[in-house]
Amino acid sequence: MAETEENQKAETKSTARTIREYAESLAIAFVLAMIIRHYVVEAFKIPTGSMEPTLMGDPAEGDKILVSKFMYDVSKPERWDVFVFKFPEDLEKNYIKRLVGLPGETLYIKHGDLYVDGHIARKPPKVQNGLWRLVFDERMAVSQYIVRELNEFAD
């Protein structure tokens, strides 16, 4: 009987130790997640369509992006980088925009084209390739034609 009581006490200590280990692990994970979210990276949802077609915006199902919070502590911003910032008149709103002008430049828009210091600004291929959308894929049309012809042949 004494042996049974000892086994029960050992099991109780083992269960308590397991619960304590889980609680400590969860607490550490939570603290690390808050530190990372506050200082390193944060997730944002694209609320509007102003960045389409690169980033699709929709309050319900818009794209989500991860934003580095220290990137510009180690490097300078470049034209066409995407930024997240607080709207000055409503600090609850986050704005997600593309950087088009750098300090000391003169910008103007004429007929939908962006001019920087009198020269038209073109997006680099890396950015431009993200804007292209496939409208018609000839390969799909050919494969659908072949399938249709085979179906007619089988009849």
N, C-alpha and C. Protein backbone atom coordinates (compact mmCIF):
# COMPACT_ATOMS: atom_id res chain seq x y z
N MET A 1 0.82 -1.19 0.00
CA MET A 1 0.00 0.00 0.00
C MET A 1 0.86 1.26 0.00
N ALA A 2 1.94 1.23 0.72
CA ALA A 2 2.86 2.36 0.76
C ALA A 2 3.49 2.57 -0.60
N GLU A 3 3.69 1.42 -1.29
CA GLU A 3 4.29 1.50 -2.62
C GLU A 3 3.33 2.17 -3.61
N THR A 4 2.02 1.92 -3.49
CA THR A 4 1.01 2.52 -4.35
C THR A 4 0.94 4.02 -4.13
N GLU A 5 1.00 4.45 -2.88
CA GLU A 5 0.99 5.88 -2.57
C GLU A 5 2.22 6.58 -3.14
N GLU A 6 3.36 5.91 -3.07
CA GLU A 6 4.59 6.48 -3.63
C GLU A 6 4.47 6.61 -5.15
N ASN A 7 3.89 5.60 -5.79
CA ASN A 7 3.69 5.67 -7.25
C ASN A 7 2.77 6.82 -7.62
N GLN A 8 1.68 7.01 -6.83
CA GLN A 8 0.75 8.11 -7.10
C GLN A 8 1.43 9.47 -6.92
N LYS A 9 2.25 9.59 -5.87
CA LYS A 9 2.98 10.85 -5.65
C LYS A 9 3.96 11.10 -6.79
N ALA A 10 4.63 10.05 -7.25
CA ALA A 10 5.59 10.19 -8.35
C ALA A 10 4.87 10.61 -9.63
N GLU A 11 3.70 10.01 -9.89
CA GLU A 11 2.93 10.38 -11.07
C GLU A 11 2.45 11.82 -10.99
N THR A 12 2.01 12.24 -9.80
CA THR A 12 1.56 13.62 -9.61
C THR A 12 2.71 14.59 -9.85
N LYS A 13 3.90 14.27 -9.32
CA LYS A 13 5.07 15.14 -9.53
C LYS A 13 5.44 15.18 -11.01
N SER A 14 5.36 14.02 -11.68
CA SER A 14 5.69 13.95 -13.09
C SER A 14 4.70 14.78 -13.93
N THR A 15 3.43 14.69 -13.63
CA THR A 15 2.41 15.47 -14.33
C THR A 15 2.61 16.96 -14.10
N ALA A 16 2.86 17.33 -12.85
CA ALA A 16 3.09 18.74 -12.52
C ALA A 16 4.33 19.26 -13.24
N ARG A 17 5.37 18.44 -13.32
CA ARG A 17 6.61 18.85 -14.00
C ARG A 17 6.34 19.04 -15.49
N THR A 18 5.56 18.13 -16.09
CA THR A 18 5.23 18.24 -17.52
C THR A 18 4.42 19.50 -17.80
N ILE A 19 3.43 19.76 -16.96
CA ILE A 19 2.61 20.97 -17.12
C ILE A 19 3.47 22.22 -16.99
N ARG A 20 4.37 22.22 -16.03
CA ARG A 20 5.27 23.37 -15.82
C ARG A 20 6.17 23.58 -17.04
N GLU A 21 6.71 22.48 -17.60
CA GLU A 21 7.58 22.59 -18.77
C GLU A 21 6.81 23.17 -19.97
N TYR A 22 5.57 22.69 -20.18
CA TYR A 22 4.75 23.22 -21.26
C TYR A 22 4.47 24.71 -21.05
N ALA A 23 4.13 25.08 -19.82
CA ALA A 23 3.83 26.49 -19.52
C ALA A 23 5.07 27.36 -19.77
N GLU A 24 6.24 26.90 -19.34
CA GLU A 24 7.47 27.66 -19.58
C GLU A 24 7.74 27.80 -21.08
N SER A 25 7.57 26.70 -21.82
CA SER A 25 7.81 26.74 -23.27
C SER A 25 6.86 27.72 -23.96
N LEU A 26 5.59 27.67 -23.59
CA LEU A 26 4.61 28.60 -24.17
C LEU A 26 4.93 30.04 -23.82
N ALA A 27 5.33 30.30 -22.60
CA ALA A 27 5.68 31.66 -22.17
C ALA A 27 6.88 32.18 -22.96
N ILE A 28 7.91 31.35 -23.12
CA ILE A 28 9.10 31.75 -23.87
C ILE A 28 8.73 32.01 -25.34
N ALA A 29 7.92 31.12 -25.93
CA ALA A 29 7.51 31.30 -27.33
C ALA A 29 6.72 32.59 -27.50
N PHE A 30 5.84 32.90 -26.55
CA PHE A 30 5.04 34.12 -26.62
C PHE A 30 5.94 35.36 -26.53
N VAL A 31 6.86 35.37 -25.59
CA VAL A 31 7.77 36.51 -25.43
C VAL A 31 8.62 36.71 -26.69
N LEU A 32 9.16 35.61 -27.23
CA LEU A 32 9.97 35.71 -28.45
C LEU A 32 9.12 36.22 -29.63
N ALA A 33 7.89 35.75 -29.75
CA ALA A 33 7.01 36.21 -30.83
C ALA A 33 6.74 37.70 -30.71
N MET A 34 6.52 38.19 -29.52
CA MET A 34 6.26 39.63 -29.32
C MET A 34 7.51 40.46 -29.62
N ILE A 35 8.67 39.96 -29.24
CA ILE A 35 9.92 40.68 -29.53
C ILE A 35 10.14 40.74 -31.04
N ILE A 36 9.97 39.60 -31.70
CA ILE A 36 10.17 39.56 -33.16
C ILE A 36 9.16 40.47 -33.85
N ARG A 37 7.90 40.42 -33.44
CA ARG A 37 6.87 41.25 -34.07
C ARG A 37 7.15 42.74 -33.85
N HIS A 38 7.63 43.09 -32.68
CA HIS A 38 7.85 44.50 -32.36
C HIS A 38 9.12 45.06 -33.01
N TYR A 39 10.19 44.27 -33.08
CA TYR A 39 11.47 44.80 -33.53
C TYR A 39 11.95 44.30 -34.89
N VAL A 40 11.52 43.12 -35.33
CA VAL A 40 12.12 42.51 -36.52
C VAL A 40 11.19 42.52 -37.73
N VAL A 41 10.04 41.90 -37.64
CA VAL A 41 9.16 41.74 -38.79
C VAL A 41 7.71 41.77 -38.33
N GLU A 42 6.83 42.32 -39.20
CA GLU A 42 5.42 42.37 -38.86
C GLU A 42 4.61 42.05 -40.12
N ALA A 43 3.48 41.40 -39.94
CA ALA A 43 2.60 41.07 -41.05
C ALA A 43 1.58 42.18 -41.25
N PHE A 44 1.32 42.51 -42.51
CA PHE A 44 0.32 43.52 -42.86
C PHE A 44 -0.59 42.95 -43.94
N LYS A 45 -1.84 43.37 -43.91
CA LYS A 45 -2.81 42.99 -44.94
C LYS A 45 -3.02 44.19 -45.85
N ILE A 46 -3.06 43.95 -47.15
CA ILE A 46 -3.27 45.02 -48.12
C ILE A 46 -4.75 45.38 -48.11
N PRO A 47 -5.13 46.58 -47.63
CA PRO A 47 -6.55 46.90 -47.46
C PRO A 47 -7.25 47.42 -48.72
N THR A 48 -6.50 47.99 -49.66
CA THR A 48 -7.14 48.59 -50.84
C THR A 48 -6.46 48.12 -52.11
N GLY A 49 -7.03 48.47 -53.24
CA GLY A 49 -6.48 48.06 -54.52
C GLY A 49 -5.47 49.02 -55.10
N SER A 50 -4.94 49.94 -54.33
CA SER A 50 -4.04 50.97 -54.88
C SER A 50 -2.71 50.41 -55.36
N MET A 51 -2.31 49.23 -54.91
CA MET A 51 -1.03 48.64 -55.33
C MET A 51 -1.21 47.56 -56.39
N GLU A 52 -2.44 47.36 -56.89
CA GLU A 52 -2.68 46.32 -57.90
C GLU A 52 -1.96 46.68 -59.18
N PRO A 53 -1.49 45.76 -59.97
CA PRO A 53 -1.62 44.33 -59.84
C PRO A 53 -0.49 43.67 -59.05
N THR A 54 0.48 44.44 -58.58
CA THR A 54 1.58 43.84 -57.84
C THR A 54 1.11 43.22 -56.53
N LEU A 55 0.37 43.99 -55.75
CA LEU A 55 -0.18 43.53 -54.48
C LEU A 55 -1.69 43.72 -54.55
N MET A 56 -2.42 42.65 -54.39
CA MET A 56 -3.88 42.70 -54.51
C MET A 56 -4.48 43.11 -53.18
N GLY A 57 -5.33 44.12 -53.20
CA GLY A 57 -5.93 44.60 -51.97
C GLY A 57 -7.41 44.31 -51.89
N ASP A 58 -7.84 43.94 -50.72
CA ASP A 58 -9.25 43.67 -50.45
C ASP A 58 -9.37 43.51 -48.95
N PRO A 59 -10.28 44.24 -48.30
CA PRO A 59 -10.39 44.12 -46.85
C PRO A 59 -10.64 42.69 -46.38
N ALA A 60 -11.36 41.89 -47.18
CA ALA A 60 -11.68 40.53 -46.75
C ALA A 60 -10.59 39.53 -47.13
N GLU A 61 -10.12 39.60 -48.38
CA GLU A 61 -9.19 38.57 -48.86
C GLU A 61 -7.94 39.13 -49.52
N GLY A 62 -7.47 40.29 -49.11
CA GLY A 62 -6.31 40.90 -49.74
C GLY A 62 -5.02 40.15 -49.45
N ASP A 63 -3.97 40.46 -50.24
CA ASP A 63 -2.66 39.87 -50.01
C ASP A 63 -2.14 40.25 -48.63
N LYS A 64 -1.29 39.42 -48.11
CA LYS A 64 -0.62 39.71 -46.84
C LYS A 64 0.88 39.75 -47.12
N ILE A 65 1.55 40.68 -46.47
CA ILE A 65 3.00 40.80 -46.66
C ILE A 65 3.69 40.84 -45.30
N LEU A 66 4.94 40.39 -45.28
CA LEU A 66 5.78 40.51 -44.10
C LEU A 66 6.73 41.67 -44.35
N VAL A 67 6.83 42.56 -43.38
CA VAL A 67 7.63 43.76 -43.54
C VAL A 67 8.78 43.75 -42.53
N SER A 68 9.99 43.92 -43.06
CA SER A 68 11.18 44.01 -42.21
C SER A 68 11.20 45.38 -41.55
N LYS A 69 11.41 45.41 -40.24
CA LYS A 69 11.38 46.68 -39.53
C LYS A 69 12.76 47.32 -39.39
N PHE A 70 13.80 46.59 -39.76
CA PHE A 70 15.14 47.17 -39.60
C PHE A 70 15.91 47.25 -40.91
N MET A 71 15.28 46.94 -42.02
CA MET A 71 15.95 46.92 -43.32
C MET A 71 16.68 48.22 -43.61
N TYR A 72 16.03 49.34 -43.35
CA TYR A 72 16.63 50.62 -43.71
C TYR A 72 17.54 51.17 -42.63
N ASP A 73 17.77 50.39 -41.58
CA ASP A 73 18.83 50.73 -40.63
C ASP A 73 20.17 50.29 -41.18
N VAL A 74 20.15 49.30 -42.09
CA VAL A 74 21.40 48.76 -42.62
C VAL A 74 21.63 49.10 -44.10
N SER A 75 20.60 49.59 -44.80
CA SER A 75 20.77 49.97 -46.20
C SER A 75 19.85 51.14 -46.54
N LYS A 76 20.18 51.83 -47.62
CA LYS A 76 19.37 52.98 -48.05
C LYS A 76 18.18 52.49 -48.87
N PRO A 77 17.06 53.22 -48.77
CA PRO A 77 15.91 52.85 -49.62
C PRO A 77 16.22 53.12 -51.09
N GLU A 78 15.64 52.29 -51.96
CA GLU A 78 15.82 52.44 -53.39
C GLU A 78 14.47 52.72 -54.05
N ARG A 79 14.52 53.37 -55.20
CA ARG A 79 13.31 53.63 -55.96
C ARG A 79 12.62 52.29 -56.24
N TRP A 80 11.29 52.28 -56.14
CA TRP A 80 10.38 51.16 -56.38
C TRP A 80 10.27 50.21 -55.20
N ASP A 81 10.96 50.48 -54.09
CA ASP A 81 10.76 49.67 -52.88
C ASP A 81 9.33 49.89 -52.38
N VAL A 82 8.77 48.87 -51.73
CA VAL A 82 7.44 48.98 -51.14
C VAL A 82 7.60 49.32 -49.66
N PHE A 83 6.87 50.35 -49.21
CA PHE A 83 6.95 50.84 -47.83
C PHE A 83 5.62 50.69 -47.12
N VAL A 84 5.69 50.50 -45.82
CA VAL A 84 4.49 50.56 -44.97
C VAL A 84 4.75 51.69 -43.97
N PHE A 85 3.79 52.61 -43.85
CA PHE A 85 3.95 53.72 -42.92
C PHE A 85 2.59 54.12 -42.36
N LYS A 86 2.62 54.84 -41.26
CA LYS A 86 1.39 55.33 -40.63
C LYS A 86 0.92 56.58 -41.37
N PHE A 87 -0.39 56.64 -41.63
CA PHE A 87 -0.98 57.81 -42.25
C PHE A 87 -0.91 58.95 -41.23
N PRO A 88 -0.29 60.09 -41.58
CA PRO A 88 -0.06 61.16 -40.60
C PRO A 88 -1.31 61.70 -39.92
N GLU A 89 -2.45 61.72 -40.62
CA GLU A 89 -3.66 62.28 -40.03
C GLU A 89 -4.48 61.26 -39.24
N ASP A 90 -4.15 59.97 -39.39
CA ASP A 90 -4.85 58.91 -38.65
C ASP A 90 -3.83 57.81 -38.38
N LEU A 91 -3.20 57.85 -37.21
CA LEU A 91 -2.11 56.94 -36.90
C LEU A 91 -2.56 55.49 -36.73
N GLU A 92 -3.85 55.24 -36.79
CA GLU A 92 -4.36 53.86 -36.73
C GLU A 92 -4.26 53.18 -38.10
N LYS A 93 -4.18 53.98 -39.18
CA LYS A 93 -4.14 53.44 -40.55
C LYS A 93 -2.71 53.23 -41.01
N ASN A 94 -2.47 52.07 -41.62
CA ASN A 94 -1.19 51.80 -42.25
C ASN A 94 -1.35 51.99 -43.75
N TYR A 95 -0.42 52.68 -44.37
CA TYR A 95 -0.42 52.86 -45.81
C TYR A 95 0.69 52.00 -46.39
N ILE A 96 0.40 51.36 -47.51
CA ILE A 96 1.38 50.54 -48.21
C ILE A 96 1.54 51.15 -49.59
N LYS A 97 2.73 51.69 -49.87
CA LYS A 97 2.97 52.42 -51.12
C LYS A 97 4.35 52.09 -51.66
N ARG A 98 4.55 52.39 -52.94
CA ARG A 98 5.84 52.18 -53.60
C ARG A 98 6.60 53.51 -53.62
N LEU A 99 7.89 53.46 -53.30
CA LEU A 99 8.74 54.65 -53.29
C LEU A 99 9.13 55.01 -54.72
N VAL A 100 8.78 56.23 -55.15
CA VAL A 100 9.12 56.65 -56.51
C VAL A 100 10.14 57.78 -56.51
N GLY A 101 10.23 58.56 -55.45
CA GLY A 101 11.16 59.69 -55.41
C GLY A 101 12.12 59.57 -54.25
N LEU A 102 13.33 60.02 -54.49
CA LEU A 102 14.36 60.03 -53.46
C LEU A 102 14.67 61.47 -53.07
N PRO A 103 15.32 61.69 -51.94
CA PRO A 103 15.60 63.07 -51.50
C PRO A 103 16.35 63.87 -52.56
N GLY A 104 15.89 65.11 -52.76
CA GLY A 104 16.55 66.02 -53.69
C GLY A 104 16.08 65.90 -55.14
N GLU A 105 15.17 64.98 -55.44
CA GLU A 105 14.70 64.81 -56.81
C GLU A 105 13.44 65.64 -57.05
N THR A 106 13.24 66.00 -58.31
CA THR A 106 12.02 66.69 -58.72
C THR A 106 11.18 65.69 -59.51
N LEU A 107 9.94 65.50 -59.07
CA LEU A 107 9.05 64.53 -59.71
C LEU A 107 7.88 65.24 -60.35
N TYR A 108 7.43 64.73 -61.48
CA TYR A 108 6.14 65.16 -62.02
C TYR A 108 5.58 64.05 -62.90
N ILE A 109 4.27 64.06 -63.04
CA ILE A 109 3.56 63.06 -63.84
C ILE A 109 2.95 63.77 -65.04
N LYS A 110 3.20 63.22 -66.23
CA LYS A 110 2.66 63.80 -67.46
C LYS A 110 2.11 62.65 -68.29
N HIS A 111 0.81 62.71 -68.60
CA HIS A 111 0.13 61.68 -69.38
C HIS A 111 0.33 60.29 -68.78
N GLY A 112 0.35 60.20 -67.46
CA GLY A 112 0.47 58.92 -66.78
C GLY A 112 1.89 58.41 -66.63
N ASP A 113 2.88 59.13 -67.15
CA ASP A 113 4.28 58.73 -67.02
C ASP A 113 4.93 59.53 -65.90
N LEU A 114 5.79 58.87 -65.14
CA LEU A 114 6.52 59.51 -64.05
C LEU A 114 7.86 60.02 -64.58
N TYR A 115 8.12 61.30 -64.31
CA TYR A 115 9.39 61.91 -64.69
C TYR A 115 10.16 62.27 -63.43
N VAL A 116 11.45 61.90 -63.42
CA VAL A 116 12.34 62.22 -62.31
C VAL A 116 13.45 63.10 -62.87
N ASP A 117 13.52 64.33 -62.35
CA ASP A 117 14.52 65.30 -62.81
C ASP A 117 14.50 65.43 -64.34
N GLY A 118 13.30 65.44 -64.93
CA GLY A 118 13.16 65.66 -66.36
C GLY A 118 13.27 64.42 -67.23
N HIS A 119 13.61 63.27 -66.67
CA HIS A 119 13.74 62.03 -67.44
C HIS A 119 12.66 61.04 -67.00
N ILE A 120 12.11 60.31 -67.98
CA ILE A 120 11.06 59.35 -67.65
C ILE A 120 11.65 58.23 -66.78
N ALA A 121 10.93 57.85 -65.77
CA ALA A 121 11.38 56.79 -64.85
C ALA A 121 10.72 55.48 -65.25
N ARG A 122 11.53 54.49 -65.55
CA ARG A 122 11.04 53.16 -65.92
C ARG A 122 11.32 52.19 -64.77
N LYS A 123 10.37 51.31 -64.55
CA LYS A 123 10.57 50.30 -63.52
C LYS A 123 11.61 49.30 -64.00
N PRO A 124 12.45 48.81 -63.08
CA PRO A 124 13.43 47.79 -63.48
C PRO A 124 12.71 46.49 -63.85
N PRO A 125 13.35 45.63 -64.63
CA PRO A 125 12.71 44.38 -65.06
C PRO A 125 12.14 43.55 -63.91
N LYS A 126 12.83 43.52 -62.78
CA LYS A 126 12.36 42.75 -61.63
C LYS A 126 10.97 43.22 -61.18
N VAL A 127 10.78 44.54 -61.13
CA VAL A 127 9.49 45.10 -60.72
C VAL A 127 8.47 44.95 -61.84
N GLN A 128 8.88 45.25 -63.06
CA GLN A 128 7.96 45.19 -64.20
C GLN A 128 7.44 43.78 -64.42
N ASN A 129 8.28 42.76 -64.26
CA ASN A 129 7.86 41.38 -64.46
C ASN A 129 6.76 40.99 -63.47
N GLY A 130 6.75 41.60 -62.30
CA GLY A 130 5.70 41.33 -61.33
C GLY A 130 4.35 41.92 -61.74
N LEU A 131 4.36 42.83 -62.69
CA LEU A 131 3.12 43.47 -63.13
C LEU A 131 2.44 42.74 -64.29
N TRP A 132 3.20 41.95 -65.04
CA TRP A 132 2.64 41.29 -66.22
C TRP A 132 1.61 40.26 -65.80
N ARG A 133 0.51 40.20 -66.55
CA ARG A 133 -0.56 39.22 -66.33
C ARG A 133 -0.82 38.49 -67.63
N LEU A 134 -0.90 37.17 -67.57
CA LEU A 134 -1.18 36.37 -68.74
C LEU A 134 -2.65 36.53 -69.13
N VAL A 135 -2.89 36.98 -70.36
CA VAL A 135 -4.25 37.17 -70.85
C VAL A 135 -4.68 35.95 -71.66
N PHE A 136 -3.79 35.42 -72.49
CA PHE A 136 -4.12 34.27 -73.32
C PHE A 136 -2.87 33.42 -73.44
N ASP A 137 -3.01 32.13 -73.18
CA ASP A 137 -1.88 31.21 -73.28
C ASP A 137 -2.10 30.32 -74.50
N GLU A 138 -1.32 30.55 -75.53
CA GLU A 138 -1.47 29.80 -76.77
C GLU A 138 -1.30 28.30 -76.56
N ARG A 139 -0.44 27.91 -75.63
CA ARG A 139 -0.22 26.49 -75.37
C ARG A 139 -1.51 25.82 -74.89
N MET A 140 -2.30 26.53 -74.06
CA MET A 140 -3.56 25.97 -73.58
C MET A 140 -4.54 25.82 -74.73
N ALA A 141 -4.58 26.77 -75.64
CA ALA A 141 -5.51 26.71 -76.77
C ALA A 141 -5.18 25.51 -77.65
N VAL A 142 -3.90 25.25 -77.89
CA VAL A 142 -3.49 24.12 -78.73
C VAL A 142 -3.86 22.81 -78.05
N SER A 143 -3.59 22.67 -76.76
CA SER A 143 -3.91 21.42 -76.07
C SER A 143 -5.42 21.20 -76.02
N GLN A 144 -6.22 22.23 -75.86
CA GLN A 144 -7.67 22.07 -75.86
C GLN A 144 -8.16 21.67 -77.25
N TYR A 145 -7.53 22.20 -78.30
CA TYR A 145 -7.90 21.85 -79.67
C TYR A 145 -7.63 20.37 -79.92
N ILE A 146 -6.47 19.88 -79.47
CA ILE A 146 -6.10 18.48 -79.66
C ILE A 146 -7.08 17.57 -78.94
N VAL A 147 -7.45 17.90 -77.71
CA VAL A 147 -8.40 17.10 -76.96
C VAL A 147 -9.75 17.08 -77.67
N ARG A 148 -10.20 18.22 -78.16
CA ARG A 148 -11.48 18.29 -78.86
C ARG A 148 -11.44 17.42 -80.12
N GLU A 149 -10.34 17.48 -80.89
CA GLU A 149 -10.20 16.68 -82.10
C GLU A 149 -10.21 15.20 -81.75
N LEU A 150 -9.53 14.80 -80.68
CA LEU A 150 -9.51 13.39 -80.29
C LEU A 150 -10.89 12.92 -79.88
N ASN A 151 -11.65 13.76 -79.18
CA ASN A 151 -13.01 13.41 -78.78
C ASN A 151 -13.91 13.22 -80.00
N GLU A 152 -13.76 14.07 -81.00
CA GLU A 152 -14.56 13.96 -82.22
C GLU A 152 -14.18 12.70 -83.00
N PHE A 153 -12.88 12.37 -82.99
CA PHE A 153 -12.40 11.16 -83.68
C PHE A 153 -12.96 9.90 -83.03
N ALA A 154 -13.07 9.94 -81.67
CA ALA A 154 -13.57 8.76 -80.94
C ALA A 154 -15.05 8.52 -81.18
N ASP A 155 -15.80 9.57 -81.50
CA ASP A 155 -17.25 9.42 -81.72
C ASP A 155 -17.55 8.76 -82.98
